[in-house]
N, C-alpha and C. Protein backbone atom coordinates (compact mmCIF):
# COMPACT_ATOMS: atom_id res chain seq x y z
N UNK A 1 1.07 20.62 0.24
CA UNK A 1 1.99 20.16 -0.77
C UNK A 1 1.26 20.10 -2.10
N UNK A 2 1.82 20.72 -3.11
CA UNK A 2 1.19 20.75 -4.42
C UNK A 2 1.80 19.69 -5.32
N UNK A 3 1.11 19.41 -6.42
CA UNK A 3 1.62 18.44 -7.38
C UNK A 3 1.18 17.03 -7.05
N UNK A 4 1.78 16.09 -7.76
CA UNK A 4 1.43 14.69 -7.55
C UNK A 4 1.92 14.19 -6.21
N UNK A 5 1.15 13.24 -5.65
CA UNK A 5 1.60 12.59 -4.43
C UNK A 5 2.75 11.67 -4.80
N UNK A 6 3.80 11.62 -3.98
CA UNK A 6 4.92 10.73 -4.32
C UNK A 6 4.49 9.27 -4.25
N UNK A 7 4.99 8.48 -5.20
CA UNK A 7 4.69 7.06 -5.22
C UNK A 7 5.79 6.30 -4.49
N UNK A 8 5.45 5.18 -3.87
CA UNK A 8 6.49 4.35 -3.28
C UNK A 8 7.46 3.87 -4.37
N UNK A 9 8.72 3.70 -3.99
CA UNK A 9 9.74 3.27 -4.94
C UNK A 9 9.37 1.95 -5.59
N UNK A 10 8.81 1.02 -4.81
CA UNK A 10 8.45 -0.29 -5.38
C UNK A 10 7.43 -0.13 -6.50
N UNK A 11 6.49 0.78 -6.34
CA UNK A 11 5.48 1.00 -7.37
C UNK A 11 6.12 1.62 -8.61
N UNK A 12 7.05 2.56 -8.42
CA UNK A 12 7.73 3.17 -9.56
C UNK A 12 8.59 2.15 -10.30
N UNK A 13 9.24 1.26 -9.55
CA UNK A 13 10.04 0.21 -10.20
C UNK A 13 9.15 -0.70 -11.04
N UNK A 14 7.97 -1.04 -10.50
CA UNK A 14 7.06 -1.92 -11.24
C UNK A 14 6.56 -1.25 -12.52
N UNK A 15 6.41 0.07 -12.48
CA UNK A 15 5.94 0.81 -13.66
C UNK A 15 7.06 1.12 -14.63
N UNK A 16 8.30 0.86 -14.23
CA UNK A 16 9.43 1.10 -15.12
C UNK A 16 10.00 2.50 -15.03
N UNK A 17 9.55 3.32 -14.08
CA UNK A 17 10.06 4.67 -13.88
C UNK A 17 10.05 5.49 -15.17
N UNK A 18 8.87 5.69 -15.77
CA UNK A 18 8.81 6.41 -17.04
C UNK A 18 9.31 7.85 -16.96
N UNK A 19 9.24 8.48 -15.78
CA UNK A 19 9.71 9.85 -15.64
C UNK A 19 11.21 9.96 -15.44
N UNK A 20 11.90 8.83 -15.32
CA UNK A 20 13.35 8.78 -15.14
C UNK A 20 13.82 9.57 -13.91
N UNK A 21 12.99 9.59 -12.88
CA UNK A 21 13.39 10.26 -11.65
C UNK A 21 14.28 9.33 -10.84
N UNK A 22 15.10 9.91 -9.99
CA UNK A 22 16.02 9.11 -9.18
C UNK A 22 15.24 8.21 -8.22
N UNK A 23 15.77 7.01 -7.99
CA UNK A 23 15.15 6.08 -7.04
C UNK A 23 15.43 6.55 -5.63
N UNK A 24 14.50 6.28 -4.72
CA UNK A 24 14.73 6.55 -3.30
C UNK A 24 15.30 5.27 -2.69
N UNK A 25 16.62 5.20 -2.62
CA UNK A 25 17.26 4.00 -2.09
C UNK A 25 17.14 3.91 -0.57
N UNK A 26 16.75 5.01 0.08
CA UNK A 26 16.64 5.04 1.53
C UNK A 26 15.20 4.95 2.02
N UNK A 27 14.28 4.54 1.14
CA UNK A 27 12.88 4.44 1.54
C UNK A 27 12.73 3.40 2.65
N UNK A 28 12.08 3.76 3.77
CA UNK A 28 11.94 2.80 4.86
C UNK A 28 11.04 1.63 4.47
N UNK A 29 11.41 0.44 4.89
CA UNK A 29 10.62 -0.76 4.65
C UNK A 29 10.13 -1.27 6.00
N UNK A 30 8.81 -1.38 6.20
CA UNK A 30 8.31 -1.85 7.49
C UNK A 30 8.60 -3.34 7.68
N UNK A 31 8.71 -3.77 8.94
CA UNK A 31 8.88 -5.21 9.18
C UNK A 31 7.66 -5.96 8.66
N UNK A 32 7.89 -7.07 8.01
CA UNK A 32 6.80 -7.82 7.39
C UNK A 32 6.28 -8.89 8.34
N UNK A 33 5.84 -8.47 9.52
CA UNK A 33 5.30 -9.39 10.52
C UNK A 33 3.78 -9.25 10.56
N UNK A 34 3.11 -10.33 10.94
CA UNK A 34 1.65 -10.31 11.08
C UNK A 34 1.30 -9.57 12.36
N UNK A 35 0.55 -8.46 12.28
CA UNK A 35 0.19 -7.73 13.49
C UNK A 35 -0.85 -8.50 14.32
N UNK A 36 -0.80 -8.28 15.62
CA UNK A 36 -1.77 -8.92 16.52
C UNK A 36 -3.06 -8.12 16.52
N UNK A 37 -4.15 -8.81 16.78
CA UNK A 37 -5.46 -8.16 16.87
C UNK A 37 -5.48 -7.25 18.11
N UNK A 38 -5.84 -5.98 17.96
CA UNK A 38 -5.90 -5.09 19.12
C UNK A 38 -6.93 -5.57 20.14
N UNK A 39 -6.63 -5.35 21.41
CA UNK A 39 -7.48 -5.84 22.50
C UNK A 39 -8.86 -5.18 22.51
N UNK A 40 -8.97 -3.95 21.99
CA UNK A 40 -10.26 -3.25 22.06
C UNK A 40 -11.27 -3.77 21.04
N UNK A 41 -10.85 -4.55 20.07
CA UNK A 41 -11.80 -5.10 19.10
C UNK A 41 -12.56 -6.27 19.72
N UNK A 42 -13.87 -6.24 19.59
CA UNK A 42 -14.70 -7.30 20.16
C UNK A 42 -15.75 -7.72 19.15
N UNK A 43 -16.32 -8.87 19.37
CA UNK A 43 -17.45 -9.35 18.58
C UNK A 43 -17.17 -9.41 17.09
N UNK A 44 -18.03 -8.76 16.31
CA UNK A 44 -17.92 -8.78 14.85
C UNK A 44 -16.61 -8.16 14.36
N UNK A 45 -16.14 -7.11 15.04
CA UNK A 45 -14.90 -6.45 14.64
C UNK A 45 -13.72 -7.42 14.79
N UNK A 46 -13.69 -8.14 15.90
CA UNK A 46 -12.61 -9.11 16.12
C UNK A 46 -12.72 -10.27 15.14
N UNK A 47 -13.92 -10.70 14.84
CA UNK A 47 -14.11 -11.79 13.87
C UNK A 47 -13.64 -11.37 12.48
N UNK A 48 -13.88 -10.11 12.12
CA UNK A 48 -13.43 -9.60 10.82
C UNK A 48 -11.90 -9.56 10.76
N UNK A 49 -11.27 -9.16 11.87
CA UNK A 49 -9.80 -9.17 11.94
C UNK A 49 -9.29 -10.59 11.70
N UNK A 50 -9.87 -11.55 12.41
CA UNK A 50 -9.42 -12.94 12.28
C UNK A 50 -9.63 -13.45 10.86
N UNK A 51 -10.70 -13.03 10.22
CA UNK A 51 -11.02 -13.48 8.86
C UNK A 51 -10.02 -12.94 7.84
N UNK A 52 -9.57 -11.69 8.01
CA UNK A 52 -8.77 -11.04 6.98
C UNK A 52 -7.27 -10.97 7.23
N UNK A 53 -6.85 -10.87 8.48
CA UNK A 53 -5.45 -10.54 8.77
C UNK A 53 -4.45 -11.50 8.14
N UNK A 54 -4.61 -12.79 8.34
CA UNK A 54 -3.60 -13.72 7.81
C UNK A 54 -3.59 -13.73 6.28
N UNK A 55 -4.76 -13.61 5.66
CA UNK A 55 -4.82 -13.58 4.20
C UNK A 55 -4.12 -12.35 3.65
N UNK A 56 -4.40 -11.18 4.23
CA UNK A 56 -3.76 -9.95 3.77
C UNK A 56 -2.25 -9.99 4.01
N UNK A 57 -1.84 -10.61 5.11
CA UNK A 57 -0.40 -10.73 5.39
C UNK A 57 0.26 -11.64 4.36
N UNK A 58 -0.37 -12.75 4.04
CA UNK A 58 0.19 -13.66 3.03
C UNK A 58 0.27 -13.00 1.66
N UNK A 59 -0.65 -12.09 1.37
CA UNK A 59 -0.63 -11.37 0.10
C UNK A 59 0.47 -10.30 0.08
N UNK A 60 1.07 -10.02 1.24
CA UNK A 60 2.10 -9.01 1.32
C UNK A 60 1.56 -7.60 1.47
N UNK A 61 0.29 -7.48 1.88
CA UNK A 61 -0.35 -6.17 2.00
C UNK A 61 -0.33 -5.67 3.44
N UNK A 62 -0.48 -6.56 4.41
CA UNK A 62 -0.62 -6.17 5.82
C UNK A 62 0.69 -6.42 6.57
N UNK A 63 1.22 -5.36 7.19
CA UNK A 63 2.41 -5.47 8.04
C UNK A 63 2.09 -4.86 9.40
N UNK A 64 3.05 -4.87 10.30
CA UNK A 64 2.80 -4.36 11.64
C UNK A 64 2.44 -2.88 11.64
N UNK A 65 2.98 -2.10 10.71
CA UNK A 65 2.67 -0.67 10.69
C UNK A 65 1.26 -0.38 10.17
N UNK A 66 0.61 -1.38 9.59
CA UNK A 66 -0.74 -1.21 9.06
C UNK A 66 -1.81 -1.60 10.08
N UNK A 67 -1.40 -1.90 11.29
CA UNK A 67 -2.31 -2.39 12.31
C UNK A 67 -3.45 -1.41 12.58
N UNK A 68 -3.14 -0.12 12.68
CA UNK A 68 -4.17 0.88 12.99
C UNK A 68 -5.21 0.97 11.88
N UNK A 69 -4.76 0.96 10.63
CA UNK A 69 -5.71 1.03 9.51
C UNK A 69 -6.61 -0.20 9.49
N UNK A 70 -6.02 -1.36 9.73
CA UNK A 70 -6.80 -2.60 9.74
C UNK A 70 -7.78 -2.59 10.91
N UNK A 71 -7.33 -2.12 12.08
CA UNK A 71 -8.21 -2.06 13.25
C UNK A 71 -9.36 -1.09 13.00
N UNK A 72 -9.08 0.04 12.37
CA UNK A 72 -10.14 1.01 12.08
C UNK A 72 -11.16 0.41 11.12
N UNK A 73 -10.68 -0.30 10.10
CA UNK A 73 -11.61 -0.97 9.17
C UNK A 73 -12.49 -1.97 9.93
N UNK A 74 -11.86 -2.79 10.76
CA UNK A 74 -12.62 -3.82 11.50
C UNK A 74 -13.62 -3.19 12.46
N UNK A 75 -13.24 -2.06 13.09
CA UNK A 75 -14.17 -1.37 13.99
C UNK A 75 -15.37 -0.84 13.20
N UNK A 76 -15.12 -0.29 12.02
CA UNK A 76 -16.22 0.17 11.15
C UNK A 76 -17.12 -1.00 10.78
N UNK A 77 -16.51 -2.14 10.47
CA UNK A 77 -17.27 -3.34 10.12
C UNK A 77 -18.19 -3.74 11.28
N UNK A 78 -17.62 -3.78 12.50
CA UNK A 78 -18.40 -4.17 13.67
C UNK A 78 -19.58 -3.23 13.91
N UNK A 79 -19.33 -1.92 13.78
CA UNK A 79 -20.41 -0.95 13.97
C UNK A 79 -21.46 -1.05 12.87
N UNK A 80 -21.01 -1.32 11.66
CA UNK A 80 -21.94 -1.47 10.54
C UNK A 80 -22.86 -2.67 10.76
N UNK A 81 -22.29 -3.80 11.18
CA UNK A 81 -23.10 -5.00 11.44
C UNK A 81 -24.11 -4.73 12.55
N UNK A 82 -23.66 -4.08 13.63
CA UNK A 82 -24.57 -3.77 14.74
C UNK A 82 -25.70 -2.86 14.28
N UNK A 83 -25.38 -1.82 13.52
CA UNK A 83 -26.40 -0.89 13.04
C UNK A 83 -27.37 -1.57 12.08
N UNK A 84 -26.87 -2.47 11.24
CA UNK A 84 -27.76 -3.21 10.32
C UNK A 84 -28.73 -4.09 11.11
N UNK A 85 -28.24 -4.72 12.18
CA UNK A 85 -29.12 -5.56 12.99
C UNK A 85 -30.20 -4.71 13.68
N UNK A 86 -29.83 -3.54 14.17
CA UNK A 86 -30.81 -2.64 14.81
C UNK A 86 -31.80 -2.12 13.78
N UNK A 87 -31.33 -1.89 12.56
CA UNK A 87 -32.19 -1.35 11.51
C UNK A 87 -33.24 -2.37 11.08
N UNK A 88 -32.95 -3.66 11.27
CA UNK A 88 -33.93 -4.70 10.92
C UNK A 88 -35.17 -4.64 11.81
N UNK A 89 -35.00 -4.17 13.05
CA UNK A 89 -36.12 -4.16 13.99
C UNK A 89 -36.72 -2.76 14.19
N UNK A 90 -36.13 -1.75 13.57
CA UNK A 90 -36.70 -0.40 13.65
C UNK A 90 -36.98 0.11 12.24
N UNK A 91 -37.97 0.96 12.10
CA UNK A 91 -38.27 1.49 10.76
C UNK A 91 -37.16 2.43 10.27
N UNK A 92 -37.07 2.54 8.94
CA UNK A 92 -36.06 3.41 8.34
C UNK A 92 -36.42 4.88 8.58
N UNK A 93 -37.70 5.18 8.52
CA UNK A 93 -38.17 6.55 8.76
C UNK A 93 -38.94 6.57 10.08
N UNK A 94 -38.67 7.57 10.90
CA UNK A 94 -39.33 7.71 12.20
C UNK A 94 -40.08 9.03 12.25
N UNK A 95 -41.10 9.06 13.09
CA UNK A 95 -41.87 10.29 13.28
C UNK A 95 -41.43 10.90 14.61
N UNK A 96 -41.01 12.15 14.56
CA UNK A 96 -40.56 12.83 15.78
C UNK A 96 -41.78 13.21 16.62
N UNK A 97 -41.58 13.58 17.89
CA UNK A 97 -42.72 13.99 18.73
C UNK A 97 -43.49 15.18 18.16
N UNK A 98 -42.81 16.01 17.37
CA UNK A 98 -43.50 17.16 16.77
C UNK A 98 -44.23 16.80 15.49
N UNK A 99 -44.11 15.54 15.04
CA UNK A 99 -44.83 15.09 13.87
C UNK A 99 -44.01 15.08 12.59
N UNK A 100 -42.77 15.52 12.65
CA UNK A 100 -41.92 15.51 11.45
C UNK A 100 -41.34 14.12 11.23
N UNK A 101 -41.27 13.74 9.96
CA UNK A 101 -40.69 12.44 9.61
C UNK A 101 -39.19 12.64 9.40
N UNK A 102 -38.41 11.77 10.01
CA UNK A 102 -36.95 11.87 9.85
C UNK A 102 -36.34 10.48 9.69
N UNK A 103 -35.15 10.48 9.19
CA UNK A 103 -34.41 9.23 8.96
C UNK A 103 -33.98 8.63 10.29
N UNK A 104 -33.99 7.32 10.37
CA UNK A 104 -33.56 6.61 11.57
C UNK A 104 -32.07 6.88 11.83
N UNK A 105 -31.70 7.10 13.09
CA UNK A 105 -30.27 7.28 13.40
C UNK A 105 -29.45 6.04 13.01
N UNK A 106 -30.07 4.87 13.05
CA UNK A 106 -29.35 3.65 12.67
C UNK A 106 -29.01 3.66 11.18
N UNK A 107 -29.87 4.24 10.36
CA UNK A 107 -29.58 4.35 8.93
C UNK A 107 -28.41 5.30 8.69
N UNK A 108 -28.35 6.37 9.47
CA UNK A 108 -27.22 7.30 9.37
C UNK A 108 -25.91 6.61 9.73
N UNK A 109 -25.96 5.78 10.77
CA UNK A 109 -24.76 5.04 11.19
C UNK A 109 -24.36 4.05 10.11
N UNK A 110 -25.32 3.33 9.54
CA UNK A 110 -25.03 2.38 8.47
C UNK A 110 -24.34 3.09 7.31
N UNK A 111 -24.92 4.21 6.87
CA UNK A 111 -24.36 4.93 5.73
C UNK A 111 -22.95 5.44 6.02
N UNK A 112 -22.73 5.99 7.20
CA UNK A 112 -21.40 6.52 7.55
C UNK A 112 -20.36 5.40 7.64
N UNK A 113 -20.73 4.28 8.24
CA UNK A 113 -19.77 3.17 8.36
C UNK A 113 -19.44 2.59 6.98
N UNK A 114 -20.43 2.52 6.09
CA UNK A 114 -20.15 2.04 4.73
C UNK A 114 -19.18 2.97 4.01
N UNK A 115 -19.35 4.27 4.22
CA UNK A 115 -18.45 5.25 3.60
C UNK A 115 -17.02 5.07 4.12
N UNK A 116 -16.88 4.96 5.43
CA UNK A 116 -15.55 4.76 6.02
C UNK A 116 -14.94 3.43 5.61
N UNK A 117 -15.76 2.37 5.62
CA UNK A 117 -15.25 1.06 5.21
C UNK A 117 -14.74 1.10 3.78
N UNK A 118 -15.44 1.81 2.90
CA UNK A 118 -15.00 1.92 1.51
C UNK A 118 -13.61 2.51 1.39
N UNK A 119 -13.33 3.53 2.19
CA UNK A 119 -11.99 4.14 2.17
C UNK A 119 -10.93 3.15 2.64
N UNK A 120 -11.21 2.47 3.74
CA UNK A 120 -10.24 1.50 4.25
C UNK A 120 -10.08 0.32 3.31
N UNK A 121 -11.18 -0.09 2.67
CA UNK A 121 -11.10 -1.21 1.72
C UNK A 121 -10.17 -0.86 0.57
N UNK A 122 -10.20 0.38 0.12
CA UNK A 122 -9.31 0.81 -0.95
C UNK A 122 -7.86 0.76 -0.49
N UNK A 123 -7.60 1.25 0.71
CA UNK A 123 -6.23 1.27 1.23
C UNK A 123 -5.68 -0.13 1.46
N UNK A 124 -6.53 -1.04 1.90
CA UNK A 124 -6.07 -2.39 2.24
C UNK A 124 -6.21 -3.38 1.09
N UNK A 125 -6.72 -2.95 -0.04
CA UNK A 125 -6.84 -3.84 -1.19
C UNK A 125 -7.96 -4.86 -1.04
N UNK A 126 -9.08 -4.45 -0.47
CA UNK A 126 -10.18 -5.38 -0.22
C UNK A 126 -11.24 -5.36 -1.31
N UNK A 127 -10.97 -4.71 -2.42
CA UNK A 127 -11.86 -4.76 -3.58
C UNK A 127 -11.02 -5.15 -4.80
N UNK A 128 -11.62 -5.73 -5.81
CA UNK A 128 -10.84 -6.12 -6.99
C UNK A 128 -10.12 -4.93 -7.64
N UNK A 129 -10.78 -3.79 -7.72
CA UNK A 129 -10.13 -2.61 -8.33
C UNK A 129 -8.96 -2.13 -7.48
N UNK A 130 -9.13 -2.16 -6.16
CA UNK A 130 -8.06 -1.71 -5.28
C UNK A 130 -6.87 -2.65 -5.36
N UNK A 131 -7.13 -3.96 -5.47
CA UNK A 131 -6.02 -4.92 -5.57
C UNK A 131 -5.19 -4.70 -6.83
N UNK A 132 -5.84 -4.23 -7.89
CA UNK A 132 -5.09 -4.02 -9.12
C UNK A 132 -4.17 -2.81 -9.02
N UNK A 133 -4.38 -1.93 -8.02
CA UNK A 133 -3.57 -0.72 -7.90
C UNK A 133 -2.51 -0.79 -6.82
N UNK A 134 -2.48 -1.85 -6.02
CA UNK A 134 -1.50 -1.88 -4.94
C UNK A 134 -0.33 -2.77 -5.29
N UNK A 135 0.77 -2.52 -4.61
CA UNK A 135 1.98 -3.31 -4.78
C UNK A 135 2.24 -3.98 -3.44
N UNK A 136 2.41 -5.28 -3.42
CA UNK A 136 2.60 -5.99 -2.16
C UNK A 136 4.05 -5.89 -1.72
N UNK A 137 4.30 -6.22 -0.47
CA UNK A 137 5.64 -6.16 0.09
C UNK A 137 6.32 -7.52 0.08
N UNK A 138 5.91 -8.39 -0.83
CA UNK A 138 6.61 -9.65 -0.97
C UNK A 138 8.01 -9.37 -1.47
N UNK A 139 8.85 -10.40 -1.46
CA UNK A 139 10.21 -10.22 -1.94
C UNK A 139 10.18 -9.67 -3.36
N UNK A 140 10.77 -8.50 -3.58
CA UNK A 140 10.72 -7.93 -4.92
C UNK A 140 11.61 -8.70 -5.89
N UNK A 141 11.20 -8.65 -7.14
CA UNK A 141 12.03 -9.26 -8.17
C UNK A 141 13.28 -8.41 -8.33
N UNK A 142 14.41 -9.01 -8.67
CA UNK A 142 15.63 -8.22 -8.81
C UNK A 142 15.45 -7.16 -9.90
N UNK A 143 15.93 -5.98 -9.58
CA UNK A 143 15.83 -4.87 -10.52
C UNK A 143 17.20 -4.67 -11.16
N UNK A 144 17.21 -4.62 -12.45
CA UNK A 144 18.46 -4.41 -13.16
C UNK A 144 18.55 -2.95 -13.56
N UNK A 145 19.42 -2.23 -12.84
CA UNK A 145 19.62 -0.82 -13.13
C UNK A 145 20.31 -0.67 -14.48
N UNK A 146 20.05 0.41 -15.19
CA UNK A 146 20.77 0.63 -16.45
C UNK A 146 22.26 0.78 -16.18
N UNK A 147 23.08 0.22 -17.02
CA UNK A 147 24.53 0.24 -16.85
C UNK A 147 25.14 1.03 -17.99
N UNK A 148 26.07 1.91 -17.63
CA UNK A 148 26.82 2.66 -18.63
C UNK A 148 28.24 2.11 -18.65
N UNK A 149 28.74 1.80 -19.82
CA UNK A 149 30.10 1.31 -19.96
C UNK A 149 30.88 2.37 -20.72
N UNK A 150 32.01 2.79 -20.15
CA UNK A 150 32.87 3.78 -20.79
C UNK A 150 34.20 3.10 -21.08
N UNK A 151 34.64 3.11 -22.32
CA UNK A 151 35.94 2.56 -22.70
C UNK A 151 36.87 3.74 -22.99
N UNK A 152 37.99 3.77 -22.30
CA UNK A 152 38.95 4.84 -22.44
C UNK A 152 40.24 4.25 -22.99
N UNK A 153 40.66 4.72 -24.14
CA UNK A 153 41.90 4.24 -24.76
C UNK A 153 43.05 5.02 -24.14
N UNK A 154 44.05 4.30 -23.63
CA UNK A 154 45.19 4.93 -22.98
C UNK A 154 46.43 4.65 -23.82
N UNK A 155 47.18 5.68 -24.12
CA UNK A 155 48.43 5.50 -24.87
C UNK A 155 48.19 5.32 -26.34
N UNK A 156 49.23 5.07 -27.07
CA UNK A 156 49.10 4.88 -28.52
C UNK A 156 48.40 3.57 -28.81
N UNK A 157 47.74 3.52 -29.97
CA UNK A 157 47.05 2.30 -30.35
C UNK A 157 48.05 1.18 -30.55
N UNK A 158 47.61 -0.02 -30.37
CA UNK A 158 48.47 -1.19 -30.54
C UNK A 158 49.00 -1.67 -29.22
N UNK A 159 49.81 -2.66 -29.27
CA UNK A 159 50.33 -3.25 -28.04
C UNK A 159 51.85 -3.02 -27.97
N UNK A 160 52.30 -1.81 -28.36
CA UNK A 160 53.72 -1.50 -28.37
C UNK A 160 54.28 -1.37 -26.96
N UNK A 161 53.51 -0.87 -26.04
CA UNK A 161 54.00 -0.63 -24.70
C UNK A 161 53.21 -1.48 -23.71
N UNK A 162 53.70 -2.67 -23.32
CA UNK A 162 52.95 -3.55 -22.42
C UNK A 162 52.79 -2.99 -21.01
N UNK A 163 53.55 -1.97 -20.62
CA UNK A 163 53.43 -1.41 -19.28
C UNK A 163 52.13 -0.63 -19.12
N UNK A 164 51.62 -0.08 -20.22
CA UNK A 164 50.37 0.67 -20.16
C UNK A 164 49.23 -0.19 -20.71
N UNK A 165 48.13 -0.28 -20.00
CA UNK A 165 47.00 -1.01 -20.58
C UNK A 165 46.44 -0.22 -21.76
N UNK A 166 45.95 -0.94 -22.75
CA UNK A 166 45.42 -0.27 -23.93
C UNK A 166 44.05 0.34 -23.69
N UNK A 167 43.29 -0.23 -22.79
CA UNK A 167 41.98 0.35 -22.49
C UNK A 167 41.61 0.09 -21.05
N UNK A 168 40.83 1.00 -20.50
CA UNK A 168 40.30 0.87 -19.14
C UNK A 168 38.79 0.86 -19.28
N UNK A 169 38.14 -0.09 -18.63
CA UNK A 169 36.68 -0.19 -18.70
C UNK A 169 36.12 0.19 -17.34
N UNK A 170 35.25 1.17 -17.33
CA UNK A 170 34.55 1.58 -16.12
C UNK A 170 33.09 1.28 -16.35
N UNK A 171 32.49 0.51 -15.46
CA UNK A 171 31.07 0.19 -15.64
C UNK A 171 30.35 0.30 -14.30
N UNK A 172 29.06 0.26 -14.37
CA UNK A 172 28.24 0.32 -13.17
C UNK A 172 27.81 1.74 -12.87
N UNK A 173 27.36 1.98 -11.64
CA UNK A 173 26.81 3.30 -11.31
C UNK A 173 27.87 4.40 -11.31
N UNK A 174 29.18 4.04 -11.22
CA UNK A 174 30.23 5.05 -11.21
C UNK A 174 30.55 5.57 -12.60
N UNK A 175 30.12 4.88 -13.64
CA UNK A 175 30.44 5.30 -15.01
C UNK A 175 29.57 6.48 -15.40
N UNK A 176 30.19 7.56 -15.75
CA UNK A 176 29.48 8.77 -16.18
C UNK A 176 30.06 9.23 -17.51
N UNK A 177 29.23 9.70 -18.37
CA UNK A 177 29.70 10.23 -19.66
C UNK A 177 30.07 11.68 -19.51
């Protein structure tokens, strides 16, 4: 798909729809329930879920459909903590049996998990910059759509003929010029 990625309707409403594109009135809204911690998360990963889930849900960021992304972030967190602990007791650089110096596999794991965590942190709003770019699913403020009012004069001017109304007012989304 080429061009800009489509923005959620809530984000476009917050920005004021500068492009004047039609609203997606049929955009699906996920249920705003707190997801349960997946059973496969253990140790540090489960502790990270417990630490963040209710706060993110209260912020309107985490819903049931976001469970997989949150679980993936927590799993990365757990692996990162484990690799950091292993890295404390092993050197960063190791000598292979052939005499070549190479990076510790634990350092590779640390770096990869940090990279993955950074992506998930952006998606879940876990950094100050990411929070400034997301729109929460809290109750939206009422949006006032632009209204067009068309006044149509019917019959001769004046109130000579009471059977005919002098003007008909059409307003709302049905009013077209």
